[in-house]
């Protein structure tokens, strides 16, 4: 069977309801195992539907957290550039200025140029990023830059957003934004596992139960019967 997509999960659940509605009108349908009973199949459908809703709720929460983090980081690179511009006019020791510029380059995500022109007919070498571009790494480097600023006595900007206290507050907001993304992602992953357990656990999941319900109809009415032909056409997919 092909693996299921996000749409496939919802289709499996919807098709279970379709299967339940069909077999509920079969007068001979009286399975010898409880999990195939119409009432229990309906309960499974209700449970699976609720779990899909929980997954989407957590997915939306994660998407919102990602969007908020993106917004929080929008000003980081511009802020660092402004910091470097101010440091450049303060007459600092070259080593201090170089360290600040190196941190800024890492945050900005600059790239090294290819070492040499490629030979004719050969692929152009990929550029090597000098940045550590994950949000956590950007925040860490920003924090190091702020620590460096605390050692520069001449750094005393008038602009509120460049003052050390506000830079630290901004850094804390970046940390919080990434933590929220991580937390909502963890919560989403739990719900995905719970969904997959309900739908695809070998022997007890929705997929197996639906197949067994079809097999029972086949045993009741025969492989060529219209009753079985109807339910056999209701498709279910599982993971590879």
C-alpha atoms as a PDB file:
ATOM      1  CA  UNK A   1       0.000   0.000   0.000  1.00  0.00           C
ATOM      2  CA  UNK A   2       1.123   3.565  -0.603  1.00  0.00           C
ATOM      3  CA  UNK A   3       1.891   5.771   2.338  1.00  0.00           C
ATOM      4  CA  UNK A   4      -0.793   8.199   3.427  1.00  0.00           C
ATOM      5  CA  UNK A   5      -0.634  11.957   3.114  1.00  0.00           C
ATOM      6  CA  UNK A   6      -2.321  14.374   5.500  1.00  0.00           C
ATOM      7  CA  UNK A   7      -5.335  14.252   3.178  1.00  0.00           C
ATOM      8  CA  UNK A   8      -5.104  10.466   3.257  1.00  0.00           C
ATOM      9  CA  UNK A   9      -5.555  10.313   7.028  1.00  0.00           C
ATOM     10  CA  UNK A  10      -8.776  12.314   6.822  1.00  0.00           C
ATOM     11  CA  UNK A  11      -9.977  10.234   3.881  1.00  0.00           C
ATOM     12  CA  UNK A  12      -9.413   7.021   5.839  1.00  0.00           C
ATOM     13  CA  UNK A  13     -11.559   8.344   8.666  1.00  0.00           C
ATOM     14  CA  UNK A  14     -14.259   9.613   6.313  1.00  0.00           C
ATOM     15  CA  UNK A  15     -14.316   6.272   4.510  1.00  0.00           C
ATOM     16  CA  UNK A  16     -14.759   4.452   7.801  1.00  0.00           C
ATOM     17  CA  UNK A  17     -17.983   6.376   8.286  1.00  0.00           C
ATOM     18  CA  UNK A  18     -19.008   5.450   4.748  1.00  0.00           C
ATOM     19  CA  UNK A  19     -18.256   1.799   5.509  1.00  0.00           C
ATOM     20  CA  UNK A  20     -20.270   1.946   8.741  1.00  0.00           C
ATOM     21  CA  UNK A  21     -23.254   3.450   6.981  1.00  0.00           C
ATOM     22  CA  UNK A  22     -23.141   0.744   4.340  1.00  0.00           C
ATOM     23  CA  UNK A  23     -22.790  -2.288   6.563  1.00  0.00           C
ATOM     24  CA  UNK A  24     -25.403  -0.981   8.985  1.00  0.00           C
ATOM     25  CA  UNK A  25     -28.073  -1.757   6.365  1.00  0.00           C
ATOM     26  CA  UNK A  26     -26.877  -5.313   5.840  1.00  0.00           C
ATOM     27  CA  UNK A  27     -29.362  -7.460   7.741  1.00  0.00           C
ATOM     28  CA  UNK A  28     -26.972 -10.387   8.094  1.00  0.00           C
ATOM     29  CA  UNK A  29     -24.153  -8.263   9.538  1.00  0.00           C
ATOM     30  CA  UNK A  30     -23.595  -9.603  13.059  1.00  0.00           C
ATOM     31  CA  UNK A  31     -19.828 -10.053  13.549  1.00  0.00           C
ATOM     32  CA  UNK A  32     -18.460 -12.530  16.094  1.00  0.00           C
ATOM     33  CA  UNK A  33     -15.803 -10.077  17.313  1.00  0.00           C
ATOM     34  CA  UNK A  34     -16.800  -6.924  19.248  1.00  0.00           C
ATOM     35  CA  UNK A  35     -14.530  -4.467  17.414  1.00  0.00           C
ATOM     36  CA  UNK A  36     -16.403  -5.096  14.153  1.00  0.00           C
ATOM     37  CA  UNK A  37     -19.828  -4.336  15.618  1.00  0.00           C
ATOM     38  CA  UNK A  38     -21.504  -1.322  14.032  1.00  0.00           C
ATOM     39  CA  UNK A  39     -21.690   0.540  17.341  1.00  0.00           C
ATOM     40  CA  UNK A  40     -17.992   0.009  18.010  1.00  0.00           C
ATOM     41  CA  UNK A  41     -17.053   1.011  14.475  1.00  0.00           C
ATOM     42  CA  UNK A  42     -19.026   4.220  14.984  1.00  0.00           C
ATOM     43  CA  UNK A  43     -17.182   4.834  18.251  1.00  0.00           C
ATOM     44  CA  UNK A  44     -13.869   4.298  16.459  1.00  0.00           C
ATOM     45  CA  UNK A  45     -14.929   6.829  13.828  1.00  0.00           C
ATOM     46  CA  UNK A  46     -15.824   9.376  16.501  1.00  0.00           C
ATOM     47  CA  UNK A  47     -12.515   8.828  18.292  1.00  0.00           C
ATOM     48  CA  UNK A  48     -10.500   9.117  15.086  1.00  0.00           C
ATOM     49  CA  UNK A  49     -12.362  12.266  14.045  1.00  0.00           C
ATOM     50  CA  UNK A  50     -11.660  13.893  17.385  1.00  0.00           C
ATOM     51  CA  UNK A  51      -7.990  12.972  17.101  1.00  0.00           C
ATOM     52  CA  UNK A  52      -7.739  14.522  13.644  1.00  0.00           C
ATOM     53  CA  UNK A  53      -9.193  17.720  15.090  1.00  0.00           C
ATOM     54  CA  UNK A  54      -6.631  17.681  17.891  1.00  0.00           C
ATOM     55  CA  UNK A  55      -3.838  17.242  15.353  1.00  0.00           C
ATOM     56  CA  UNK A  56      -5.031  20.218  13.323  1.00  0.00           C
ATOM     57  CA  UNK A  57      -5.384  22.352  16.456  1.00  0.00           C
ATOM     58  CA  UNK A  58      -1.782  21.612  17.412  1.00  0.00           C
ATOM     59  CA  UNK A  59      -0.609  22.076  13.836  1.00  0.00           C
ATOM     60  CA  UNK A  60      -2.225  25.511  13.706  1.00  0.00           C
ATOM     61  CA  UNK A  61      -0.680  26.432  17.057  1.00  0.00           C
ATOM     62  CA  UNK A  62       2.732  25.434  15.709  1.00  0.00           C
ATOM     63  CA  UNK A  63       2.214  27.397  12.495  1.00  0.00           C
ATOM     64  CA  UNK A  64       1.209  30.458  14.504  1.00  0.00           C
ATOM     65  CA  UNK A  65       4.283  30.106  16.706  1.00  0.00           C
ATOM     66  CA  UNK A  66       6.504  29.848  13.632  1.00  0.00           C
ATOM     67  CA  UNK A  67       4.934  32.983  12.159  1.00  0.00           C
ATOM     68  CA  UNK A  68       5.401  34.878  15.422  1.00  0.00           C
ATOM     69  CA  UNK A  69       9.031  33.780  15.605  1.00  0.00           C
ATOM     70  CA  UNK A  70       9.582  34.970  12.044  1.00  0.00           C
ATOM     71  CA  UNK A  71       8.172  38.353  13.015  1.00  0.00           C
ATOM     72  CA  UNK A  72      10.336  38.499  16.134  1.00  0.00           C
ATOM     73  CA  UNK A  73      13.494  37.862  14.106  1.00  0.00           C
ATOM     74  CA  UNK A  74      12.679  40.332  11.340  1.00  0.00           C
ATOM     75  CA  UNK A  75      14.646  43.170  12.919  1.00  0.00           C
ATOM     76  CA  UNK A  76      17.609  41.147  14.179  1.00  0.00           C
ATOM     77  CA  UNK A  77      19.915  41.588  11.216  1.00  0.00           C
ATOM     78  CA  UNK A  78      19.122  45.284  10.820  1.00  0.00           C
ATOM     79  CA  UNK A  79      19.692  45.817  14.539  1.00  0.00           C
ATOM     80  CA  UNK A  80      23.084  44.108  14.406  1.00  0.00           C
ATOM     81  CA  UNK A  81      24.095  46.197  11.418  1.00  0.00           C
ATOM     82  CA  UNK A  82      23.212  49.359  13.331  1.00  0.00           C
ATOM     83  CA  UNK A  83      25.278  48.162  16.278  1.00  0.00           C
ATOM     84  CA  UNK A  84      28.319  47.583  14.060  1.00  0.00           C
ATOM     85  CA  UNK A  85      27.905  50.969  12.421  1.00  0.00           C
ATOM     86  CA  UNK A  86      28.024  52.614  15.829  1.00  0.00           C
ATOM     87  CA  UNK A  87      31.029  50.583  16.974  1.00  0.00           C
ATOM     88  CA  UNK A  88      32.973  51.589  13.880  1.00  0.00           C
ATOM     89  CA  UNK A  89      33.028  55.246  14.934  1.00  0.00           C
ATOM     90  CA  UNK A  90      34.080  54.667  18.544  1.00  0.00           C
ATOM     91  CA  UNK A  91      37.795  54.147  17.910  1.00  0.00           C
ATOM     92  CA  UNK A  92      37.848  50.646  19.382  1.00  0.00           C
ATOM     93  CA  UNK A  93      40.773  48.275  19.383  1.00  0.00           C
ATOM     94  CA  UNK A  94      40.833  46.467  16.067  1.00  0.00           C
ATOM     95  CA  UNK A  95      40.500  43.067  17.753  1.00  0.00           C
ATOM     96  CA  UNK A  96      37.288  44.111  19.512  1.00  0.00           C
ATOM     97  CA  UNK A  97      35.818  45.538  16.334  1.00  0.00           C
ATOM     98  CA  UNK A  98      36.833  42.457  14.340  1.00  0.00           C
ATOM     99  CA  UNK A  99      35.141  40.196  16.888  1.00  0.00           C
ATOM    100  CA  UNK A 100      31.932  42.216  16.687  1.00  0.00           C
ATOM    101  CA  UNK A 101      32.013  42.180  12.893  1.00  0.00           C
ATOM    102  CA  UNK A 102      32.599  38.428  12.861  1.00  0.00           C
ATOM    103  CA  UNK A 103      29.536  37.860  15.049  1.00  0.00           C
ATOM    104  CA  UNK A 104      27.515  40.139  12.801  1.00  0.00           C
ATOM    105  CA  UNK A 105      28.602  38.267   9.675  1.00  0.00           C
ATOM    106  CA  UNK A 106      27.545  35.022  11.270  1.00  0.00           C
ATOM    107  CA  UNK A 107      24.137  36.440  12.144  1.00  0.00           C
ATOM    108  CA  UNK A 108      23.724  38.004   8.701  1.00  0.00           C
ATOM    109  CA  UNK A 109      24.535  34.698   7.016  1.00  0.00           C
ATOM    110  CA  UNK A 110      27.240  35.857   4.663  1.00  0.00           C
ATOM    111  CA  UNK A 111      28.756  33.389   2.257  1.00  0.00           C
ATOM    112  CA  UNK A 112      32.272  32.768   1.103  1.00  0.00           C
ATOM    113  CA  UNK A 113      32.946  32.947  -2.613  1.00  0.00           C
ATOM    114  CA  UNK A 114      34.044  29.797  -4.469  1.00  0.00           C
ATOM    115  CA  UNK A 115      37.774  29.247  -4.090  1.00  0.00           C
ATOM    116  CA  UNK A 116      38.369  28.992  -7.836  1.00  0.00           C
ATOM    117  CA  UNK A 117      36.620  29.226 -11.170  1.00  0.00           C
ATOM    118  CA  UNK A 118      35.398  25.764 -12.164  1.00  0.00           C
ATOM    119  CA  UNK A 119      36.836  24.043 -15.185  1.00  0.00           C
ATOM    120  CA  UNK A 120      34.757  24.132 -18.333  1.00  0.00           C
ATOM    121  CA  UNK A 121      32.042  21.494 -18.311  1.00  0.00           C
ATOM    122  CA  UNK A 122      32.221  20.962 -14.559  1.00  0.00           C
ATOM    123  CA  UNK A 123      29.656  21.950 -11.979  1.00  0.00           C
ATOM    124  CA  UNK A 124      30.149  25.262 -10.181  1.00  0.00           C
ATOM    125  CA  UNK A 125      31.234  24.601  -6.578  1.00  0.00           C
ATOM    126  CA  UNK A 126      28.571  25.380  -4.014  1.00  0.00           C
ATOM    127  CA  UNK A 127      29.248  28.379  -1.791  1.00  0.00           C
ATOM    128  CA  UNK A 128      30.022  27.575   1.823  1.00  0.00           C
ATOM    129  CA  UNK A 129      27.915  29.405   4.347  1.00  0.00           C
ATOM    130  CA  UNK A 130      29.861  31.148   7.112  1.00  0.00           C
ATOM    131  CA  UNK A 131      26.710  31.506   9.177  1.00  0.00           C
ATOM    132  CA  UNK A 132      25.041  29.332  11.748  1.00  0.00           C
ATOM    133  CA  UNK A 133      21.573  30.125  10.587  1.00  0.00           C
ATOM    134  CA  UNK A 134      19.276  28.279  12.940  1.00  0.00           C
ATOM    135  CA  UNK A 135      17.199  30.594  15.053  1.00  0.00           C
ATOM    136  CA  UNK A 136      18.815  29.323  18.241  1.00  0.00           C
ATOM    137  CA  UNK A 137      22.299  29.902  16.866  1.00  0.00           C
ATOM    138  CA  UNK A 138      21.409  33.385  15.690  1.00  0.00           C
ATOM    139  CA  UNK A 139      20.111  34.180  19.158  1.00  0.00           C
ATOM    140  CA  UNK A 140      23.238  32.746  20.792  1.00  0.00           C
ATOM    141  CA  UNK A 141      25.491  34.875  18.617  1.00  0.00           C
ATOM    142  CA  UNK A 142      23.363  37.933  19.306  1.00  0.00           C
ATOM    143  CA  UNK A 143      23.782  37.251  23.003  1.00  0.00           C
ATOM    144  CA  UNK A 144      27.561  37.044  22.585  1.00  0.00           C
ATOM    145  CA  UNK A 145      27.493  40.360  20.721  1.00  0.00           C
ATOM    146  CA  UNK A 146      25.552  41.936  23.568  1.00  0.00           C
ATOM    147  CA  UNK A 147      28.097  40.586  26.067  1.00  0.00           C
ATOM    148  CA  UNK A 148      30.837  42.171  23.986  1.00  0.00           C
ATOM    149  CA  UNK A 149      29.005  45.488  24.068  1.00  0.00           C
ATOM    150  CA  UNK A 150      29.036  45.425  27.878  1.00  0.00           C
ATOM    151  CA  UNK A 151      32.844  45.612  27.724  1.00  0.00           C
ATOM    152  CA  UNK A 152      32.789  48.711  25.508  1.00  0.00           C
ATOM    153  CA  UNK A 153      32.497  51.684  27.836  1.00  0.00           C
ATOM    154  CA  UNK A 154      32.020  54.078  24.927  1.00  0.00           C
ATOM    155  CA  UNK A 155      28.911  52.231  23.750  1.00  0.00           C
ATOM    156  CA  UNK A 156      26.137  54.517  25.008  1.00  0.00           C
ATOM    157  CA  UNK A 157      23.553  54.961  22.248  1.00  0.00           C
ATOM    158  CA  UNK A 158      20.732  57.458  22.525  1.00  0.00           C
ATOM    159  CA  UNK A 159      18.368  55.256  20.519  1.00  0.00           C
ATOM    160  CA  UNK A 160      16.224  53.245  22.907  1.00  0.00           C
ATOM    161  CA  UNK A 161      16.233  50.120  20.742  1.00  0.00           C
ATOM    162  CA  UNK A 162      20.056  50.002  20.786  1.00  0.00           C
ATOM    163  CA  UNK A 163      20.476  50.424  24.536  1.00  0.00           C
ATOM    164  CA  UNK A 164      21.865  47.381  26.320  1.00  0.00           C
ATOM    165  CA  UNK A 165      18.826  46.804  28.520  1.00  0.00           C
ATOM    166  CA  UNK A 166      16.508  46.806  25.514  1.00  0.00           C
ATOM    167  CA  UNK A 167      18.847  44.615  23.484  1.00  0.00           C
ATOM    168  CA  UNK A 168      18.739  42.049  26.277  1.00  0.00           C
ATOM    169  CA  UNK A 169      14.953  42.260  26.366  1.00  0.00           C
ATOM    170  CA  UNK A 170      14.888  41.716  22.619  1.00  0.00           C
ATOM    171  CA  UNK A 171      17.208  38.724  22.936  1.00  0.00           C
ATOM    172  CA  UNK A 172      14.937  37.240  25.600  1.00  0.00           C
ATOM    173  CA  UNK A 173      11.970  37.644  23.252  1.00  0.00           C
ATOM    174  CA  UNK A 174      13.873  35.733  20.552  1.00  0.00           C
ATOM    175  CA  UNK A 175      14.624  32.933  22.998  1.00  0.00           C
ATOM    176  CA  UNK A 176      10.971  32.801  24.039  1.00  0.00           C
ATOM    177  CA  UNK A 177       9.753  32.761  20.435  1.00  0.00           C
ATOM    178  CA  UNK A 178      11.921  29.761  19.584  1.00  0.00           C
ATOM    179  CA  UNK A 179      10.964  27.951  22.773  1.00  0.00           C
ATOM    180  CA  UNK A 180       7.293  28.380  21.880  1.00  0.00           C
ATOM    181  CA  UNK A 181       7.928  26.883  18.445  1.00  0.00           C
ATOM    182  CA  UNK A 182       9.743  23.946  20.035  1.00  0.00           C
ATOM    183  CA  UNK A 183       6.960  23.416  22.569  1.00  0.00           C
ATOM    184  CA  UNK A 184       4.139  23.535  20.034  1.00  0.00           C
ATOM    185  CA  UNK A 185       6.102  21.215  17.737  1.00  0.00           C
ATOM    186  CA  UNK A 186       6.521  18.712  20.574  1.00  0.00           C
ATOM    187  CA  UNK A 187       2.802  18.864  21.331  1.00  0.00           C
ATOM    188  CA  UNK A 188       2.002  18.361  17.640  1.00  0.00           C
ATOM    189  CA  UNK A 189       4.319  15.353  17.460  1.00  0.00           C
ATOM    190  CA  UNK A 190       2.514  13.727  20.384  1.00  0.00           C
ATOM    191  CA  UNK A 191      -0.833  14.167  18.667  1.00  0.00           C
ATOM    192  CA  UNK A 192       0.552  12.775  15.412  1.00  0.00           C
ATOM    193  CA  UNK A 193       1.733   9.672  17.258  1.00  0.00           C
ATOM    194  CA  UNK A 194      -1.650   9.301  18.945  1.00  0.00           C
ATOM    195  CA  UNK A 195      -3.405   9.660  15.579  1.00  0.00           C
ATOM    196  CA  UNK A 196      -1.170   7.079  13.943  1.00  0.00           C
ATOM    197  CA  UNK A 197      -1.759   4.674  16.819  1.00  0.00           C
ATOM    198  CA  UNK A 198      -5.519   4.914  16.350  1.00  0.00           C
ATOM    199  CA  UNK A 199      -5.368   4.646  12.580  1.00  0.00           C
ATOM    200  CA  UNK A 200      -2.497   2.289  11.837  1.00  0.00           C
ATOM    201  CA  UNK A 201      -1.539   0.090  14.783  1.00  0.00           C
ATOM    202  CA  UNK A 202      -1.192  -3.443  13.465  1.00  0.00           C
ATOM    203  CA  UNK A 203      -4.192  -5.525  14.490  1.00  0.00           C
ATOM    204  CA  UNK A 204      -6.104  -2.814  16.357  1.00  0.00           C
ATOM    205  CA  UNK A 205      -5.927   0.305  14.189  1.00  0.00           C
ATOM    206  CA  UNK A 206      -8.647   1.719  11.980  1.00  0.00           C
ATOM    207  CA  UNK A 207      -7.014   0.364   8.835  1.00  0.00           C
ATOM    208  CA  UNK A 208      -6.915  -3.230  10.081  1.00  0.00           C
ATOM    209  CA  UNK A 209     -10.426  -3.073  11.523  1.00  0.00           C
ATOM    210  CA  UNK A 210     -11.847  -1.684   8.278  1.00  0.00           C
ATOM    211  CA  UNK A 211     -10.197  -4.480   6.294  1.00  0.00           C
ATOM    212  CA  UNK A 212     -11.556  -7.062   8.719  1.00  0.00           C
ATOM    213  CA  UNK A 213     -15.057  -5.623   8.406  1.00  0.00           C
ATOM    214  CA  UNK A 214     -14.811  -6.020   4.636  1.00  0.00           C
ATOM    215  CA  UNK A 215     -13.588  -9.592   5.045  1.00  0.00           C
ATOM    216  CA  UNK A 216     -16.550 -10.374   7.275  1.00  0.00           C
ATOM    217  CA  UNK A 217     -18.950  -9.023   4.645  1.00  0.00           C
ATOM    218  CA  UNK A 218     -17.144 -11.156   2.076  1.00  0.00           C
ATOM    219  CA  UNK A 219     -17.617 -14.225   4.263  1.00  0.00           C
ATOM    220  CA  UNK A 220     -21.316 -13.438   4.694  1.00  0.00           C
ATOM    221  CA  UNK A 221     -22.341 -12.681   1.142  1.00  0.00           C
ATOM    222  CA  UNK A 222     -19.542 -14.053  -1.046  1.00  0.00           C
ATOM    223  CA  UNK A 223     -16.726 -12.507  -3.044  1.00  0.00           C
ATOM    224  CA  UNK A 224     -18.907 -11.751  -6.086  1.00  0.00           C
ATOM    225  CA  UNK A 225     -21.907 -10.433  -4.178  1.00  0.00           C
ATOM    226  CA  UNK A 226     -23.063  -6.842  -4.667  1.00  0.00           C
ATOM    227  CA  UNK A 227     -22.825  -6.373  -0.893  1.00  0.00           C
ATOM    228  CA  UNK A 228     -19.121  -7.170  -0.870  1.00  0.00           C
ATOM    229  CA  UNK A 229     -18.444  -5.386  -4.161  1.00  0.00           C
ATOM    230  CA  UNK A 230     -19.893  -2.211  -2.642  1.00  0.00           C
ATOM    231  CA  UNK A 231     -17.802  -2.255   0.533  1.00  0.00           C
ATOM    232  CA  UNK A 232     -14.651  -3.457  -1.207  1.00  0.00           C
ATOM    233  CA  UNK A 233     -14.712  -0.278  -3.286  1.00  0.00           C
ATOM    234  CA  UNK A 234     -14.399   1.880  -0.161  1.00  0.00           C
ATOM    235  CA  UNK A 235     -10.673   2.527  -0.078  1.00  0.00           C
ATOM    236  CA  UNK A 236      -8.270   2.702   2.853  1.00  0.00           C
ATOM    237  CA  UNK A 237      -4.545   3.366   2.722  1.00  0.00           C
ATOM    238  CA  UNK A 238      -1.839   2.572   5.228  1.00  0.00           C
ATOM    239  CA  UNK A 239       1.741   3.593   5.841  1.00  0.00           C
ATOM    240  CA  UNK A 240       4.564   1.716   4.182  1.00  0.00           C
END
